[in-house]
């Protein structure tokens, strides 16, 4: 019984940590009047050396496809957090860039 309680508490702690940690690195940029109709494009951006060197380039203006009003959200989502748990061992990290038109 004591082992089940410890397992439950550890799982609850891990889930709470994931939820709290995933929102701590979020940035939002509003271009023009911001996103209107809710059309979203999403891309994953990869970094090495703890976020110092980008591996790929995510062009938000290209994702907006010429729109003059859009919103760029850059964040570490819960999926990124889980990915980073494994890839962080070799200093590779990801974050999600979402463009809303």
Protein backbone atom coordinates (compact mmCIF):
# COMPACT_ATOMS: atom_id res chain seq x y z
CA UNK A 1 0.00 0.00 0.00
CA UNK A 2 2.81 2.41 0.87
CA UNK A 3 4.50 1.72 -2.49
CA UNK A 4 1.26 2.55 -4.37
CA UNK A 5 0.99 5.88 -2.55
CA UNK A 6 4.62 6.72 -3.37
CA UNK A 7 4.08 5.79 -7.01
CA UNK A 8 0.93 7.92 -7.17
CA UNK A 9 2.66 10.91 -5.56
CA UNK A 10 5.65 10.61 -7.90
CA UNK A 11 3.37 10.42 -10.94
CA UNK A 12 1.31 13.40 -9.75
CA UNK A 13 4.51 15.39 -9.11
CA UNK A 14 5.85 14.54 -12.57
CA UNK A 15 2.60 15.56 -14.29
CA UNK A 16 2.42 18.83 -12.34
CA UNK A 17 6.03 19.59 -13.21
CA UNK A 18 5.35 18.99 -16.91
CA UNK A 19 2.29 21.26 -16.90
CA UNK A 20 4.00 24.06 -15.00
CA UNK A 21 7.27 23.85 -16.94
CA UNK A 22 5.71 23.83 -20.37
CA UNK A 23 4.24 27.31 -20.05
CA UNK A 24 7.28 29.04 -18.66
CA UNK A 25 8.91 29.70 -22.01
CA UNK A 26 6.23 31.23 -24.19
CA UNK A 27 6.44 34.35 -26.34
CA UNK A 28 3.74 35.98 -28.43
CA UNK A 29 4.31 38.51 -31.19
CA UNK A 30 1.37 40.32 -32.79
CA UNK A 31 1.93 41.54 -36.34
CA UNK A 32 -0.59 44.13 -37.57
CA UNK A 33 -3.96 43.42 -35.94
CA UNK A 34 -3.05 39.84 -35.02
CA UNK A 35 -4.60 36.58 -36.13
CA UNK A 36 -8.20 36.82 -37.26
CA UNK A 37 -9.83 33.72 -38.72
CA UNK A 38 -7.83 31.18 -36.69
CA UNK A 39 -5.91 29.47 -39.50
CA UNK A 40 -2.79 28.00 -37.88
CA UNK A 41 0.55 26.77 -39.22
CA UNK A 42 2.88 24.97 -36.84
CA UNK A 43 6.56 24.09 -37.07
CA UNK A 44 9.13 22.68 -34.68
CA UNK A 45 12.41 24.51 -34.21
CA UNK A 46 15.50 22.54 -33.09
CA UNK A 47 18.57 23.74 -31.20
CA UNK A 48 21.83 22.19 -29.98
CA UNK A 49 24.14 23.19 -27.14
CA UNK A 50 21.28 24.04 -24.76
CA UNK A 51 19.54 26.35 -27.21
CA UNK A 52 22.58 28.30 -28.37
CA UNK A 53 22.88 27.01 -31.95
CA UNK A 54 19.80 26.60 -34.18
CA UNK A 55 19.69 23.47 -36.37
CA UNK A 56 16.81 24.52 -38.63
CA UNK A 57 15.32 27.87 -39.59
CA UNK A 58 11.60 28.51 -39.12
CA UNK A 59 10.48 31.51 -41.18
CA UNK A 60 7.30 32.88 -39.61
CA UNK A 61 6.64 35.34 -42.45
CA UNK A 62 6.75 32.44 -44.92
CA UNK A 63 4.34 30.50 -42.67
CA UNK A 64 1.99 33.52 -42.73
CA UNK A 65 1.96 33.30 -46.55
CA UNK A 66 1.95 37.03 -47.19
CA UNK A 67 -0.69 37.94 -44.58
CA UNK A 68 -0.29 41.39 -43.05
CA UNK A 69 -2.13 40.51 -39.81
CA UNK A 70 -0.99 37.45 -37.87
CA UNK A 71 0.22 36.26 -34.48
CA UNK A 72 3.40 34.29 -33.78
CA UNK A 73 3.44 32.05 -30.70
CA UNK A 74 6.77 30.50 -29.72
CA UNK A 75 6.62 28.08 -26.81
CA UNK A 76 7.79 24.84 -25.29
CA UNK A 77 4.67 22.68 -25.43
CA UNK A 78 4.12 19.59 -23.25
CA UNK A 79 5.18 17.46 -26.25
CA UNK A 80 8.39 19.49 -26.57
CA UNK A 81 8.99 19.00 -22.85
CA UNK A 82 8.74 15.21 -23.22
CA UNK A 83 10.97 15.23 -26.33
CA UNK A 84 13.51 17.39 -24.52
CA UNK A 85 13.66 14.94 -21.61
CA UNK A 86 15.22 12.41 -23.98
CA UNK A 87 17.10 14.59 -26.47
CA UNK A 88 18.42 16.93 -23.79
CA UNK A 89 20.95 14.27 -22.83
CA UNK A 90 22.86 15.16 -26.00
CA UNK A 91 21.99 18.90 -25.70
CA UNK A 92 19.33 18.89 -28.46
CA UNK A 93 16.16 20.84 -27.65
CA UNK A 94 12.97 21.72 -29.52
CA UNK A 95 10.28 24.37 -29.34
CA UNK A 96 7.08 24.93 -31.28
CA UNK A 97 6.39 27.98 -33.45
CA UNK A 98 2.71 28.59 -34.29
CA UNK A 99 1.56 31.26 -36.73
CA UNK A 100 -2.15 32.19 -36.55
CA UNK A 101 -3.59 34.17 -39.48
